[in-house]
Amino acid sequence: MSNKNKGICCIILSAFCFALMTIFVRMAGDLPSIQKSFFRNIVAMFFAAIILVKNKVPFVIGKGNYLTMLGRVSFGTIGLLCNFYAVDHLLVADANILNKLSPFFAILFSILILREIPTKYQMVCLSAALIGCLFVVKPGFASTDMVGMAAGICGGMTAGAAYTLVRKLGAAGVKGPVTVFCFSAFSSLVTLPLIILFYHSPMSLKQVIILLGAGLAAAGGQFSITAAYTFAPAREISVYDYTQIIFSTIMGYLFFRQVPDGYSFLGYAIICGASIVMFVMNNRKCA
C-alpha cells in the first residue's frame, strides 16, 4: 500500500472516530457540555502524555510561542465546548457539518494572523460554504434551535482560529504531541472548577463508560489524523475528512432515528462541494 493510500485510510478512520465521539457525547444524555468536555480531554491528555514519554519528545514550547500556544488552547477549548453543545441540541450531522466550516474560517484567520492573502478561488469557496451554512441553519425557521446553530458556527469559527495557530506553532518548531497535550491539559484545568461548581450528580456507571468511550474515540481520531498527515500532505488527502458527515448521518439515524431535511442535505452538498473544489485547485497549484 502506498503512503498516500495509507494516509487516506488513516484520515477516514479519524473521521469515523470523531463521528463516533459525537454519538457518545449525545448518548451521555442530559449532562452539561462542560462535564462532557472534561472527560473527553482528560483521556486525550493521558494519551498525549504517553506518546511524549514513549517517543521521548522534549516538552519545549519556545520563549516566543507562549502567547500563540495560549491562543491555540483557548480557541480550541471554546470550539470544543460549542461543538458539544451543538451536538446535544441539533441533529448530529448538522452539528458536524457546522464544525467542518473550520477550514474555511481558517482562511480568514490566516489573513489576520499569518498575513496570508487567499486566492480568488479560495474566497469563492469560502462564500459558497457560508451559503451552504445558511441552508443548514435555516434562519427564521421556527423549528430551528438558533442557539444550538450559533454554537455550532462559533465552534467551527474558533476551531479555524485554533488550527491557524497550530500551523504557526508547527512552523516555529513546536512538536504536535506537545500541542495536543497542552490543549488537553488546559481544557481539563479550565473546565474542572466549573464541573465542581455545577456538577450534574449522580452520574450513572453507564454515563461514565459512555464519556470514557467519547474520550477514547477522540484520542483515536486525533492520533489517526496525525498519522494521516505523516503519510501524505494535506492537499492530497484532506477532502476525505468530510466522510465524517456520511458517518454522522448514518450513525445519527441508527442510534437516534435522526433524518436531516432537504435543506440540510443541500447545505451539506454545497459545503462539501466547496471543499472538493478547493482540494482540486490546491492540487493543481502544487502540481
C-alpha atoms as a PDB file:
ATOM      1  CA  MET A   1       0.000   0.000   0.000  1.00  0.00           C
ATOM      2  CA  SER A   2       1.372   3.421  -0.958  1.00  0.00           C
ATOM      3  CA  ASN A   3       1.842   6.166   1.614  1.00  0.00           C
ATOM      4  CA  LYS A   4      -0.999   8.125   0.011  1.00  0.00           C
ATOM      5  CA  ASN A   5      -3.408   5.191   0.411  1.00  0.00           C
ATOM      6  CA  LYS A   6      -2.240   4.726   3.997  1.00  0.00           C
ATOM      7  CA  GLY A   7      -2.950   8.409   4.599  1.00  0.00           C
ATOM      8  CA  ILE A   8      -6.422   8.077   3.080  1.00  0.00           C
ATOM      9  CA  CYS A   9      -7.194   5.061   5.286  1.00  0.00           C
ATOM     10  CA  CYS A  10      -5.978   6.914   8.387  1.00  0.00           C
ATOM     11  CA  ILE A  11      -7.977  10.071   7.685  1.00  0.00           C
ATOM     12  CA  ILE A  12     -11.156   8.058   7.026  1.00  0.00           C
ATOM     13  CA  LEU A  13     -10.519   6.208  10.296  1.00  0.00           C
ATOM     14  CA  SER A  14     -10.139   9.549  12.088  1.00  0.00           C
ATOM     15  CA  ALA A  15     -13.416  10.760  10.548  1.00  0.00           C
ATOM     16  CA  PHE A  16     -15.145   7.617  11.830  1.00  0.00           C
ATOM     17  CA  CYS A  17     -13.642   8.089  15.310  1.00  0.00           C
ATOM     18  CA  PHE A  18     -14.722  11.738  15.547  1.00  0.00           C
ATOM     19  CA  ALA A  19     -18.226  10.836  14.338  1.00  0.00           C
ATOM     20  CA  LEU A  20     -18.345   8.103  16.977  1.00  0.00           C
ATOM     21  CA  MET A  21     -17.213  10.634  19.587  1.00  0.00           C
ATOM     22  CA  THR A  22     -20.181  12.883  18.811  1.00  0.00           C
ATOM     23  CA  ILE A  23     -22.535   9.901  19.089  1.00  0.00           C
ATOM     24  CA  PHE A  24     -21.110   9.078  22.529  1.00  0.00           C
ATOM     25  CA  VAL A  25     -21.473  12.725  23.557  1.00  0.00           C
ATOM     26  CA  ARG A  26     -25.140  12.663  22.571  1.00  0.00           C
ATOM     27  CA  MET A  27     -25.702   9.255  24.227  1.00  0.00           C
ATOM     28  CA  ALA A  28     -24.344  10.560  27.539  1.00  0.00           C
ATOM     29  CA  GLY A  29     -27.668  12.307  27.980  1.00  0.00           C
ATOM     30  CA  ASP A  30     -28.592  15.405  29.953  1.00  0.00           C
ATOM     31  CA  LEU A  31     -25.147  16.357  31.240  1.00  0.00           C
ATOM     32  CA  PRO A  32     -23.553  19.817  30.906  1.00  0.00           C
ATOM     33  CA  SER A  33     -21.308  20.255  27.852  1.00  0.00           C
ATOM     34  CA  ILE A  34     -18.506  21.294  30.223  1.00  0.00           C
ATOM     35  CA  GLN A  35     -18.695  17.965  32.038  1.00  0.00           C
ATOM     36  CA  LYS A  36     -18.618  16.021  28.760  1.00  0.00           C
ATOM     37  CA  SER A  37     -15.681  18.102  27.547  1.00  0.00           C
ATOM     38  CA  PHE A  38     -13.690  17.350  30.695  1.00  0.00           C
ATOM     39  CA  PHE A  39     -13.969  13.582  30.244  1.00  0.00           C
ATOM     40  CA  ARG A  40     -13.062  13.856  26.574  1.00  0.00           C
ATOM     41  CA  ASN A  41      -9.954  15.922  27.308  1.00  0.00           C
ATOM     42  CA  ILE A  42      -8.678  14.085  30.353  1.00  0.00           C
ATOM     43  CA  VAL A  43      -8.458  10.860  28.310  1.00  0.00           C
ATOM     44  CA  ALA A  44      -6.727  12.665  25.420  1.00  0.00           C
ATOM     45  CA  MET A  45      -4.292  14.275  27.883  1.00  0.00           C
ATOM     46  CA  PHE A  46      -3.170  10.892  29.222  1.00  0.00           C
ATOM     47  CA  PHE A  47      -2.764   9.514  25.695  1.00  0.00           C
ATOM     48  CA  ALA A  48      -0.682  12.538  24.672  1.00  0.00           C
ATOM     49  CA  ALA A  49       1.456  12.185  27.815  1.00  0.00           C
ATOM     50  CA  ILE A  50       2.109   8.525  26.984  1.00  0.00           C
ATOM     51  CA  ILE A  51       3.187   9.475  23.456  1.00  0.00           C
ATOM     52  CA  LEU A  52       5.515  12.186  24.788  1.00  0.00           C
ATOM     53  CA  VAL A  53       7.179   9.762  27.190  1.00  0.00           C
ATOM     54  CA  LYS A  54       7.267   6.779  24.830  1.00  0.00           C
ATOM     55  CA  ASN A  55       8.772   8.708  21.921  1.00  0.00           C
ATOM     56  CA  LYS A  56      10.973  10.829  24.200  1.00  0.00           C
ATOM     57  CA  VAL A  57       9.633  14.043  22.700  1.00  0.00           C
ATOM     58  CA  PRO A  58      11.124  17.062  24.517  1.00  0.00           C
ATOM     59  CA  PHE A  59       8.443  19.238  26.097  1.00  0.00           C
ATOM     60  CA  VAL A  60       9.552  22.504  24.525  1.00  0.00           C
ATOM     61  CA  ILE A  61       7.247  25.359  23.542  1.00  0.00           C
ATOM     62  CA  GLY A  62       9.808  28.085  22.983  1.00  0.00           C
ATOM     63  CA  LYS A  63      10.044  31.523  24.539  1.00  0.00           C
ATOM     64  CA  GLY A  64       8.367  33.316  21.655  1.00  0.00           C
ATOM     65  CA  ASN A  65       5.494  30.839  21.320  1.00  0.00           C
ATOM     66  CA  TYR A  66       3.736  31.077  24.680  1.00  0.00           C
ATOM     67  CA  LEU A  67       1.154  33.643  23.558  1.00  0.00           C
ATOM     68  CA  THR A  68       0.447  31.666  20.388  1.00  0.00           C
ATOM     69  CA  MET A  69       0.017  28.494  22.428  1.00  0.00           C
ATOM     70  CA  LEU A  70      -2.338  30.303  24.817  1.00  0.00           C
ATOM     71  CA  GLY A  71      -4.446  31.392  21.851  1.00  0.00           C
ATOM     72  CA  ARG A  72      -4.465  27.864  20.419  1.00  0.00           C
ATOM     73  CA  VAL A  73      -5.616  26.192  23.634  1.00  0.00           C
ATOM     74  CA  SER A  74      -8.146  28.951  24.409  1.00  0.00           C
ATOM     75  CA  PHE A  75      -9.784  28.915  20.980  1.00  0.00           C
ATOM     76  CA  GLY A  76      -9.650  25.124  20.949  1.00  0.00           C
ATOM     77  CA  THR A  77     -11.427  24.902  24.299  1.00  0.00           C
ATOM     78  CA  ILE A  78     -14.159  27.332  23.239  1.00  0.00           C
ATOM     79  CA  GLY A  79     -14.594  25.439  19.979  1.00  0.00           C
ATOM     80  CA  LEU A  80     -14.906  22.098  21.745  1.00  0.00           C
ATOM     81  CA  LEU A  81     -17.489  23.360  24.233  1.00  0.00           C
ATOM     82  CA  CYS A  82     -19.532  24.948  21.439  1.00  0.00           C
ATOM     83  CA  ASN A  83     -19.347  21.782  19.352  1.00  0.00           C
ATOM     84  CA  PHE A  84     -20.517  19.611  22.269  1.00  0.00           C
ATOM     85  CA  TYR A  85     -23.402  21.996  22.952  1.00  0.00           C
ATOM     86  CA  ALA A  86     -24.388  21.852  19.270  1.00  0.00           C
ATOM     87  CA  VAL A  87     -24.230  18.035  19.274  1.00  0.00           C
ATOM     88  CA  ASP A  88     -26.613  17.972  22.250  1.00  0.00           C
ATOM     89  CA  HIS A  89     -29.152  20.358  20.684  1.00  0.00           C
ATOM     90  CA  LEU A  90     -29.028  19.689  16.931  1.00  0.00           C
ATOM     91  CA  LEU A  91     -29.050  16.737  14.595  1.00  0.00           C
ATOM     92  CA  VAL A  92     -25.645  15.076  14.909  1.00  0.00           C
ATOM     93  CA  ALA A  93     -24.999  15.528  11.163  1.00  0.00           C
ATOM     94  CA  ASP A  94     -25.923  19.246  11.317  1.00  0.00           C
ATOM     95  CA  ALA A  95     -23.581  19.805  14.272  1.00  0.00           C
ATOM     96  CA  ASN A  96     -20.737  18.059  12.469  1.00  0.00           C
ATOM     97  CA  ILE A  97     -21.125  19.940   9.184  1.00  0.00           C
ATOM     98  CA  LEU A  98     -21.104  23.269  11.036  1.00  0.00           C
ATOM     99  CA  ASN A  99     -17.900  22.191  12.777  1.00  0.00           C
ATOM    100  CA  LYS A 100     -16.463  21.341   9.350  1.00  0.00           C
ATOM    101  CA  LEU A 101     -16.639  25.043   8.451  1.00  0.00           C
ATOM    102  CA  SER A 102     -13.330  25.357  10.337  1.00  0.00           C
ATOM    103  CA  PRO A 103     -11.086  25.079   7.210  1.00  0.00           C
ATOM    104  CA  PHE A 104     -12.945  27.986   5.626  1.00  0.00           C
ATOM    105  CA  PHE A 105     -12.697  30.116   8.764  1.00  0.00           C
ATOM    106  CA  ALA A 106      -9.004  29.185   8.871  1.00  0.00           C
ATOM    107  CA  ILE A 107      -8.630  31.052   5.565  1.00  0.00           C
ATOM    108  CA  LEU A 108      -9.982  34.219   7.193  1.00  0.00           C
ATOM    109  CA  PHE A 109      -7.812  33.862  10.293  1.00  0.00           C
ATOM    110  CA  SER A 110      -4.762  33.204   8.117  1.00  0.00           C
ATOM    111  CA  ILE A 111      -5.240  36.719   6.721  1.00  0.00           C
ATOM    112  CA  LEU A 112      -5.270  38.241  10.217  1.00  0.00           C
ATOM    113  CA  ILE A 113      -2.680  36.049  11.933  1.00  0.00           C
ATOM    114  CA  LEU A 114      -0.318  34.792   9.230  1.00  0.00           C
ATOM    115  CA  ARG A 115      -0.798  37.676   6.758  1.00  0.00           C
ATOM    116  CA  GLU A 116      -1.562  35.133   4.031  1.00  0.00           C
ATOM    117  CA  ILE A 117      -3.671  36.545   1.195  1.00  0.00           C
ATOM    118  CA  PRO A 118      -6.230  33.990  -0.073  1.00  0.00           C
ATOM    119  CA  THR A 119      -6.637  33.342  -3.783  1.00  0.00           C
ATOM    120  CA  LYS A 120      -9.798  34.206  -5.680  1.00  0.00           C
ATOM    121  CA  TYR A 121     -10.987  30.605  -5.789  1.00  0.00           C
ATOM    122  CA  GLN A 122     -10.475  30.283  -2.019  1.00  0.00           C
ATOM    123  CA  MET A 123     -12.682  33.332  -1.444  1.00  0.00           C
ATOM    124  CA  VAL A 124     -15.317  31.906  -3.824  1.00  0.00           C
ATOM    125  CA  CYS A 125     -15.236  28.574  -1.959  1.00  0.00           C
ATOM    126  CA  LEU A 126     -15.485  30.410   1.353  1.00  0.00           C
ATOM    127  CA  SER A 127     -18.538  32.333   0.138  1.00  0.00           C
ATOM    128  CA  ALA A 128     -20.136  29.126  -1.123  1.00  0.00           C
ATOM    129  CA  ALA A 129     -19.519  27.393   2.216  1.00  0.00           C
ATOM    130  CA  LEU A 130     -21.191  30.250   4.075  1.00  0.00           C
ATOM    131  CA  ILE A 131     -24.201  29.994   1.735  1.00  0.00           C
ATOM    132  CA  GLY A 132     -24.320  26.258   2.450  1.00  0.00           C
ATOM    133  CA  CYS A 133     -24.218  27.094   6.135  1.00  0.00           C
ATOM    134  CA  LEU A 134     -27.401  29.149   5.720  1.00  0.00           C
ATOM    135  CA  PHE A 135     -29.234  26.121   4.316  1.00  0.00           C
ATOM    136  CA  VAL A 136     -28.187  24.079   7.357  1.00  0.00           C
ATOM    137  CA  VAL A 137     -29.010  26.845   9.847  1.00  0.00           C
ATOM    138  CA  LYS A 138     -32.290  27.839   8.136  1.00  0.00           C
ATOM    139  CA  PRO A 139     -32.543  31.271   9.835  1.00  0.00           C
ATOM    140  CA  GLY A 140     -36.096  32.282  10.631  1.00  0.00           C
ATOM    141  CA  PHE A 141     -37.460  28.735  10.752  1.00  0.00           C
ATOM    142  CA  ALA A 142     -39.465  28.381  13.954  1.00  0.00           C
ATOM    143  CA  SER A 143     -38.376  24.778  14.474  1.00  0.00           C
ATOM    144  CA  THR A 144     -34.678  25.631  14.293  1.00  0.00           C
ATOM    145  CA  ASP A 145     -32.674  25.769  17.533  1.00  0.00           C
ATOM    146  CA  MET A 146     -30.883  29.044  16.807  1.00  0.00           C
ATOM    147  CA  VAL A 147     -28.777  28.898  19.995  1.00  0.00           C
ATOM    148  CA  GLY A 148     -27.544  25.441  19.026  1.00  0.00           C
ATOM    149  CA  MET A 149     -26.881  26.620  15.457  1.00  0.00           C
ATOM    150  CA  ALA A 150     -24.995  29.672  16.741  1.00  0.00           C
ATOM    151  CA  ALA A 151     -22.924  27.396  18.988  1.00  0.00           C
ATOM    152  CA  GLY A 152     -22.148  25.138  16.026  1.00  0.00           C
ATOM    153  CA  ILE A 153     -20.998  28.062  13.865  1.00  0.00           C
ATOM    154  CA  CYS A 154     -18.970  29.501  16.751  1.00  0.00           C
ATOM    155  CA  GLY A 155     -17.374  26.081  17.234  1.00  0.00           C
ATOM    156  CA  GLY A 156     -16.327  25.960  13.574  1.00  0.00           C
ATOM    157  CA  MET A 157     -15.031  29.535  13.704  1.00  0.00           C
ATOM    158  CA  THR A 158     -12.927  29.100  16.853  1.00  0.00           C
ATOM    159  CA  ALA A 159     -11.644  25.731  15.606  1.00  0.00           C
ATOM    160  CA  GLY A 160     -10.495  27.522  12.456  1.00  0.00           C
ATOM    161  CA  ALA A 161      -8.610  30.035  14.610  1.00  0.00           C
ATOM    162  CA  ALA A 162      -7.084  27.200  16.646  1.00  0.00           C
ATOM    163  CA  TYR A 163      -5.924  25.334  13.513  1.00  0.00           C
ATOM    164  CA  THR A 164      -4.336  28.512  12.165  1.00  0.00           C
ATOM    165  CA  LEU A 165      -2.371  28.875  15.393  1.00  0.00           C
ATOM    166  CA  VAL A 166      -1.423  25.170  15.278  1.00  0.00           C
ATOM    167  CA  ARG A 167       0.138  25.851  11.882  1.00  0.00           C
ATOM    168  CA  LYS A 168       2.024  28.837  13.291  1.00  0.00           C
ATOM    169  CA  LEU A 169       3.292  26.717  16.194  1.00  0.00           C
ATOM    170  CA  GLY A 170       4.354  23.931  13.843  1.00  0.00           C
ATOM    171  CA  ALA A 171       6.264  26.408  11.679  1.00  0.00           C
ATOM    172  CA  ALA A 172       8.014  27.610  14.848  1.00  0.00           C
ATOM    173  CA  GLY A 173       9.158  24.052  15.620  1.00  0.00           C
ATOM    174  CA  VAL A 174       6.658  23.056  18.337  1.00  0.00           C
ATOM    175  CA  LYS A 175       6.005  19.301  18.149  1.00  0.00           C
ATOM    176  CA  GLY A 176       2.472  18.014  17.570  1.00  0.00           C
ATOM    177  CA  PRO A 177       2.219  15.877  20.751  1.00  0.00           C
ATOM    178  CA  VAL A 178       3.277  18.903  22.819  1.00  0.00           C
ATOM    179  CA  THR A 179       0.457  20.976  21.341  1.00  0.00           C
ATOM    180  CA  VAL A 180      -2.088  18.168  21.867  1.00  0.00           C
ATOM    181  CA  PHE A 181      -1.012  17.736  25.492  1.00  0.00           C
ATOM    182  CA  CYS A 182      -1.146  21.486  26.195  1.00  0.00           C
ATOM    183  CA  PHE A 183      -4.630  21.768  24.685  1.00  0.00           C
ATOM    184  CA  SER A 184      -5.987  18.748  26.572  1.00  0.00           C
ATOM    185  CA  ALA A 185      -4.416  19.788  29.867  1.00  0.00           C
ATOM    186  CA  PHE A 186      -5.577  23.407  29.554  1.00  0.00           C
ATOM    187  CA  SER A 187      -9.142  22.382  28.684  1.00  0.00           C
ATOM    188  CA  SER A 188      -9.250  19.968  31.617  1.00  0.00           C
ATOM    189  CA  LEU A 189      -7.938  22.564  34.067  1.00  0.00           C
ATOM    190  CA  VAL A 190     -10.332  25.275  32.832  1.00  0.00           C
ATOM    191  CA  THR A 191     -13.417  23.052  32.990  1.00  0.00           C
ATOM    192  CA  LEU A 192     -12.592  21.325  36.316  1.00  0.00           C
ATOM    193  CA  PRO A 193     -13.617  24.262  38.600  1.00  0.00           C
ATOM    194  CA  LEU A 194     -16.868  24.680  36.652  1.00  0.00           C
ATOM    195  CA  ILE A 195     -17.604  20.972  36.996  1.00  0.00           C
ATOM    196  CA  ILE A 196     -17.084  21.180  40.770  1.00  0.00           C
ATOM    197  CA  LEU A 197     -19.484  24.142  40.964  1.00  0.00           C
ATOM    198  CA  PHE A 198     -22.150  22.767  38.630  1.00  0.00           C
ATOM    199  CA  TYR A 199     -21.601  19.017  38.882  1.00  0.00           C
ATOM    200  CA  HIS A 200     -24.528  17.023  37.499  1.00  0.00           C
ATOM    201  CA  SER A 201     -24.888  14.370  40.185  1.00  0.00           C
ATOM    202  CA  PRO A 202     -25.212  11.478  40.289  1.00  0.00           C
ATOM    203  CA  MET A 203     -23.660  10.115  37.110  1.00  0.00           C
ATOM    204  CA  SER A 204     -24.580   6.560  36.320  1.00  0.00           C
ATOM    205  CA  LEU A 205     -21.939   3.954  35.547  1.00  0.00           C
ATOM    206  CA  LYS A 206     -23.329   3.828  32.007  1.00  0.00           C
ATOM    207  CA  GLN A 207     -22.749   7.581  31.549  1.00  0.00           C
ATOM    208  CA  VAL A 208     -19.181   7.309  32.862  1.00  0.00           C
ATOM    209  CA  ILE A 209     -18.435   4.461  30.437  1.00  0.00           C
ATOM    210  CA  ILE A 210     -20.002   6.384  27.540  1.00  0.00           C
ATOM    211  CA  LEU A 211     -17.960   9.521  28.292  1.00  0.00           C
ATOM    212  CA  LEU A 212     -14.773   7.477  28.584  1.00  0.00           C
ATOM    213  CA  GLY A 213     -15.716   5.997  25.223  1.00  0.00           C
ATOM    214  CA  ALA A 214     -16.031   9.538  23.850  1.00  0.00           C
ATOM    215  CA  GLY A 215     -12.538  10.291  25.144  1.00  0.00           C
ATOM    216  CA  LEU A 216     -11.099   7.114  23.592  1.00  0.00           C
ATOM    217  CA  ALA A 217     -12.817   7.840  20.265  1.00  0.00           C
ATOM    218  CA  ALA A 218     -11.470  11.417  20.308  1.00  0.00           C
ATOM    219  CA  ALA A 219      -7.955  10.171  21.070  1.00  0.00           C
ATOM    220  CA  GLY A 220      -8.241   7.660  18.227  1.00  0.00           C
ATOM    221  CA  GLY A 221      -9.355  10.441  15.905  1.00  0.00           C
ATOM    222  CA  GLN A 222      -6.534  12.764  16.916  1.00  0.00           C
ATOM    223  CA  PHE A 223      -3.785  10.210  16.507  1.00  0.00           C
ATOM    224  CA  SER A 224      -5.271   8.829  13.274  1.00  0.00           C
ATOM    225  CA  ILE A 225      -5.378  12.253  11.658  1.00  0.00           C
ATOM    226  CA  THR A 226      -1.825  12.951  12.861  1.00  0.00           C
ATOM    227  CA  ALA A 227      -0.692   9.687  11.263  1.00  0.00           C
ATOM    228  CA  ALA A 228      -2.602  10.546   8.079  1.00  0.00           C
ATOM    229  CA  TYR A 229      -0.718  13.793   7.582  1.00  0.00           C
ATOM    230  CA  THR A 230       2.517  11.964   8.307  1.00  0.00           C
ATOM    231  CA  PHE A 231       1.906   9.615   5.371  1.00  0.00           C
ATOM    232  CA  ALA A 232       0.679  12.232   2.889  1.00  0.00           C
ATOM    233  CA  PRO A 233       0.346  16.034   2.573  1.00  0.00           C
ATOM    234  CA  ALA A 234      -2.982  17.701   3.349  1.00  0.00           C
ATOM    235  CA  ARG A 235      -3.519  18.751  -0.279  1.00  0.00           C
ATOM    236  CA  GLU A 236      -3.739  15.063  -1.290  1.00  0.00           C
ATOM    237  CA  ILE A 237      -5.994  13.650   1.422  1.00  0.00           C
ATOM    238  CA  SER A 238      -7.769  16.415   3.395  1.00  0.00           C
ATOM    239  CA  VAL A 239     -11.001  16.131   1.375  1.00  0.00           C
ATOM    240  CA  TYR A 240     -11.552  12.612   2.763  1.00  0.00           C
ATOM    241  CA  ASP A 241     -12.077  14.142   6.207  1.00  0.00           C
ATOM    242  CA  TYR A 242     -15.591  15.064   5.034  1.00  0.00           C
ATOM    243  CA  THR A 243     -16.536  11.374   5.206  1.00  0.00           C
ATOM    244  CA  GLN A 244     -17.303  12.266   8.830  1.00  0.00           C
ATOM    245  CA  ILE A 245     -20.586  13.766   7.580  1.00  0.00           C
ATOM    246  CA  ILE A 246     -21.530  10.429   5.997  1.00  0.00           C
ATOM    247  CA  PHE A 247     -20.655   8.536   9.180  1.00  0.00           C
ATOM    248  CA  SER A 248     -22.532  11.074  11.324  1.00  0.00           C
ATOM    249  CA  THR A 249     -25.660  10.899   9.172  1.00  0.00           C
ATOM    250  CA  ILE A 250     -25.701   7.089   9.239  1.00  0.00           C
ATOM    251  CA  MET A 251     -24.981   6.853  12.983  1.00  0.00           C
ATOM    252  CA  GLY A 252     -27.485   9.602  13.757  1.00  0.00           C
ATOM    253  CA  TYR A 253     -30.189   7.550  12.034  1.00  0.00           C
ATOM    254  CA  LEU A 254     -29.129   4.206  13.538  1.00  0.00           C
ATOM    255  CA  PHE A 255     -28.881   5.427  17.136  1.00  0.00           C
ATOM    256  CA  PHE A 256     -31.351   8.331  17.305  1.00  0.00           C
ATOM    257  CA  ARG A 257     -33.524   7.935  14.170  1.00  0.00           C
ATOM    258  CA  GLN A 258     -32.427  11.424  13.083  1.00  0.00           C
ATOM    259  CA  VAL A 259     -33.097  12.298   9.440  1.00  0.00           C
ATOM    260  CA  PRO A 260     -31.835  15.683   8.157  1.00  0.00           C
ATOM    261  CA  ASP A 261     -34.289  17.632   5.998  1.00  0.00           C
ATOM    262  CA  GLY A 262     -33.804  18.568   2.361  1.00  0.00           C
ATOM    263  CA  TYR A 263     -32.358  21.999   3.178  1.00  0.00           C
ATOM    264  CA  SER A 264     -29.704  20.405   5.394  1.00  0.00           C
ATOM    265  CA  PHE A 265     -28.727  17.910   2.684  1.00  0.00           C
ATOM    266  CA  LEU A 266     -28.455  20.790   0.193  1.00  0.00           C
ATOM    267  CA  GLY A 267     -26.235  22.656   2.681  1.00  0.00           C
ATOM    268  CA  TYR A 268     -24.061  19.554   3.139  1.00  0.00           C
ATOM    269  CA  ALA A 269     -23.679  19.262  -0.640  1.00  0.00           C
ATOM    270  CA  ILE A 270     -22.684  22.926  -1.057  1.00  0.00           C
ATOM    271  CA  ILE A 271     -20.146  22.871   1.793  1.00  0.00           C
ATOM    272  CA  CYS A 272     -18.633  19.532   0.733  1.00  0.00           C
ATOM    273  CA  GLY A 273     -18.634  20.692  -2.892  1.00  0.00           C
ATOM    274  CA  ALA A 274     -16.765  23.865  -1.959  1.00  0.00           C
ATOM    275  CA  SER A 275     -14.195  21.813  -0.066  1.00  0.00           C
ATOM    276  CA  ILE A 276     -13.742  19.477  -3.058  1.00  0.00           C
ATOM    277  CA  VAL A 277     -13.201  22.429  -5.429  1.00  0.00           C
ATOM    278  CA  MET A 278     -10.642  23.916  -3.044  1.00  0.00           C
ATOM    279  CA  PHE A 279      -8.958  20.499  -2.737  1.00  0.00           C
ATOM    280  CA  VAL A 280      -8.696  20.104  -6.546  1.00  0.00           C
ATOM    281  CA  MET A 281      -7.443  23.662  -7.079  1.00  0.00           C
ATOM    282  CA  ASN A 282      -4.815  23.287  -4.349  1.00  0.00           C
ATOM    283  CA  ASN A 283      -3.550  20.108  -6.033  1.00  0.00           C
ATOM    284  CA  ARG A 284      -3.318  21.865  -9.412  1.00  0.00           C
ATOM    285  CA  LYS A 285      -1.471  24.777  -7.852  1.00  0.00           C
ATOM    286  CA  CYS A 286       1.062  22.458  -6.173  1.00  0.00           C
ATOM    287  CA  ALA A 287       1.447  20.138  -9.172  1.00  0.00           C
END
